[in-house]
Amino acid sequence: AVLTTLANISDGAVVGEAQNESLTCYASKIDKKEARVEWHRPATEIRRLVSAFNPWPVAYTLLPDGQRLRLWRAVTLPGDSHEFTPGTVVNANKEGIDVASGEGFLRLLQVQLPGGRPVSSGDFLNAYVLKAGTRLGG
């Protein structure tokens, strides 16, 4: 399909069309501050933020000691309603770090500490103690 389209463009079979300026919008430059996770947001929105800001500037949250934890990969978990404060770690094991959000739960699969490389959440937990009940986000 791509080769056919390119051939059609080359042959002049495809004619360009001017964009309607009244339907355009300006996308401002991404600021690193936008990559900070706001845990009161729904888990699906946070997962999209993690995907959107990979590879740059990479979504992040703050650990209780103030270190920035970059979030490289995450998935949403089933279930929307819960009684946890957003940003609370509800489970942390080799499968991932499960964090409560404003709506639902997010499982962190790959994270990175400052000066380190991206690692699986399981490998991260081998070096950093993060227990259920810990609050992320500062």
Protein backbone atom coordinates (compact mmCIF):
# COMPACT_ATOMS: atom_id res chain seq x y z
CA ALA A 1 0.00 0.00 0.00
CA VAL A 2 2.83 2.40 0.82
CA LEU A 3 4.66 1.68 -2.43
CA THR A 4 1.45 2.18 -4.42
CA THR A 5 0.79 5.49 -2.67
CA LEU A 6 4.35 6.67 -3.30
CA ALA A 7 4.05 5.71 -6.97
CA ASN A 8 0.73 7.60 -7.21
CA ILE A 9 2.32 10.70 -5.68
CA SER A 10 5.27 10.45 -8.06
CA ASP A 11 2.97 10.04 -11.09
CA GLY A 12 0.79 12.98 -10.05
CA ALA A 13 -2.26 10.76 -9.51
CA VAL A 14 -2.58 12.10 -5.96
CA VAL A 15 -3.33 15.79 -5.72
CA GLY A 16 -2.49 17.81 -2.63
CA GLU A 17 -5.17 19.75 -0.80
CA ALA A 18 -4.63 22.93 1.20
CA GLN A 19 -5.32 22.61 4.91
CA ASN A 20 -8.23 24.59 6.34
CA GLU A 21 -6.43 27.05 8.64
CA SER A 22 -9.53 27.53 10.82
CA LEU A 23 -9.27 23.86 11.87
CA THR A 24 -5.62 24.00 12.91
CA CYS A 25 -4.24 24.28 16.41
CA TYR A 26 -0.81 24.99 17.82
CA ALA A 27 0.95 22.33 19.85
CA SER A 28 3.32 23.97 22.29
CA LYS A 29 6.74 22.57 23.11
CA ILE A 30 6.69 19.75 25.66
CA ASP A 31 7.99 20.84 29.05
CA LYS A 32 9.66 18.33 31.39
CA LYS A 33 7.28 19.42 34.15
CA GLU A 34 4.41 17.91 32.18
CA ALA A 35 5.98 14.46 32.61
CA ARG A 36 5.40 14.41 36.39
CA VAL A 37 2.69 11.90 37.24
CA GLU A 38 -0.33 13.29 39.05
CA TRP A 39 -1.66 10.24 40.87
CA HIS A 40 -5.16 11.69 41.33
CA ARG A 41 -5.69 11.16 37.59
CA PRO A 42 -7.22 7.92 36.23
CA ALA A 43 -4.82 4.99 35.71
CA THR A 44 -5.61 4.88 31.97
CA GLU A 45 -4.60 8.53 31.61
CA ILE A 46 -1.36 7.97 33.53
CA ARG A 47 -0.52 4.92 31.40
CA ARG A 48 -1.00 7.05 28.29
CA LEU A 49 1.29 9.71 29.77
CA VAL A 50 3.97 7.07 30.41
CA SER A 51 3.71 5.93 26.78
CA ALA A 52 3.57 9.45 25.35
CA PHE A 53 6.67 10.66 27.19
CA ASN A 54 8.79 7.67 26.21
CA PRO A 55 11.57 8.14 25.12
CA TRP A 56 11.57 11.83 26.11
CA PRO A 57 11.17 13.41 28.60
CA VAL A 58 10.05 10.16 30.39
CA ALA A 59 7.22 10.25 32.92
CA TYR A 60 8.32 10.33 36.56
CA THR A 61 7.18 10.35 40.15
CA LEU A 62 8.98 11.09 43.39
CA LEU A 63 10.00 8.44 45.89
CA PRO A 64 9.55 9.12 49.62
CA ASP A 65 13.25 10.05 49.90
CA GLY A 66 12.79 12.70 47.18
CA GLN A 67 14.53 10.79 44.39
CA ARG A 68 12.98 11.00 40.96
CA LEU A 69 11.77 7.62 39.69
CA ARG A 70 11.40 7.55 35.91
CA LEU A 71 8.58 5.37 34.61
CA TRP A 72 9.42 3.63 31.33
CA ARG A 73 6.64 1.04 31.09
CA ALA A 74 3.32 0.57 32.84
CA VAL A 75 -0.05 -1.13 32.41
CA THR A 76 -3.44 -0.56 33.95
CA LEU A 77 -4.94 -3.22 36.20
CA PRO A 78 -8.60 -4.25 36.38
CA GLY A 79 -10.81 -2.48 38.91
CA ASP A 80 -11.64 1.20 39.20
CA SER A 81 -12.98 1.85 42.68
CA HIS A 82 -10.82 1.54 45.79
CA GLU A 83 -10.25 3.18 49.16
CA PHE A 84 -6.55 3.97 48.73
CA THR A 85 -5.09 7.46 48.60
CA PRO A 86 -3.83 8.12 45.05
CA GLY A 87 -0.09 7.43 44.83
CA THR A 88 -0.17 4.63 47.41
CA VAL A 89 1.79 1.49 46.61
CA VAL A 90 -0.67 -1.37 47.16
CA ASN A 91 1.63 -4.21 46.11
CA ALA A 92 5.29 -4.51 45.12
CA ASN A 93 6.80 -7.76 43.86
CA LYS A 94 8.69 -9.21 40.89
CA GLU A 95 5.58 -8.77 38.69
CA GLY A 96 5.57 -5.01 39.19
CA ILE A 97 4.76 -2.13 41.50
CA ASP A 98 1.00 -1.58 41.80
CA VAL A 99 0.02 2.00 42.59
CA ALA A 100 -3.45 3.38 43.32
CA SER A 101 -4.55 6.27 41.13
CA GLY A 102 -7.61 8.50 41.17
CA GLU A 103 -9.45 5.78 39.26
CA GLY A 104 -7.97 2.29 39.24
CA PHE A 105 -4.48 0.93 39.58
CA LEU A 106 -1.30 1.25 37.55
CA ARG A 107 1.37 -1.46 37.49
CA LEU A 108 4.87 -0.10 36.97
CA LEU A 109 6.86 -2.58 34.87
CA GLN A 110 10.10 -0.74 34.11
CA VAL A 111 11.61 2.11 36.13
CA GLN A 112 14.86 4.03 36.49
CA LEU A 113 16.61 5.79 39.35
CA PRO A 114 18.81 8.85 38.72
CA GLY A 115 22.19 7.79 37.33
CA GLY A 116 20.97 4.26 36.70
CA ARG A 117 19.62 2.43 33.71
CA PRO A 118 16.02 1.37 33.12
CA VAL A 119 15.33 -1.93 34.90
CA SER A 120 12.35 -4.16 35.52
CA SER A 121 10.39 -3.32 38.64
CA GLY A 122 11.44 -6.69 40.07
CA ASP A 123 15.13 -5.80 39.67
CA PHE A 124 14.47 -2.35 41.12
CA LEU A 125 12.89 -3.93 44.21
CA ASN A 126 16.02 -6.06 44.73
CA ALA A 127 17.95 -2.85 45.41
CA TYR A 128 15.30 -0.47 46.77
CA VAL A 129 12.82 -1.23 49.56
CA LEU A 130 9.34 -0.14 48.50
CA LYS A 131 6.54 -1.67 50.55
CA ALA A 132 2.75 -1.60 50.38
CA GLY A 133 1.48 1.60 51.96
CA THR A 134 4.36 3.74 50.66
CA ARG A 135 3.21 6.99 49.05
CA LEU A 136 4.70 8.12 45.75
CA GLY A 137 4.60 11.58 44.29
CA GLY A 138 5.99 13.75 47.05
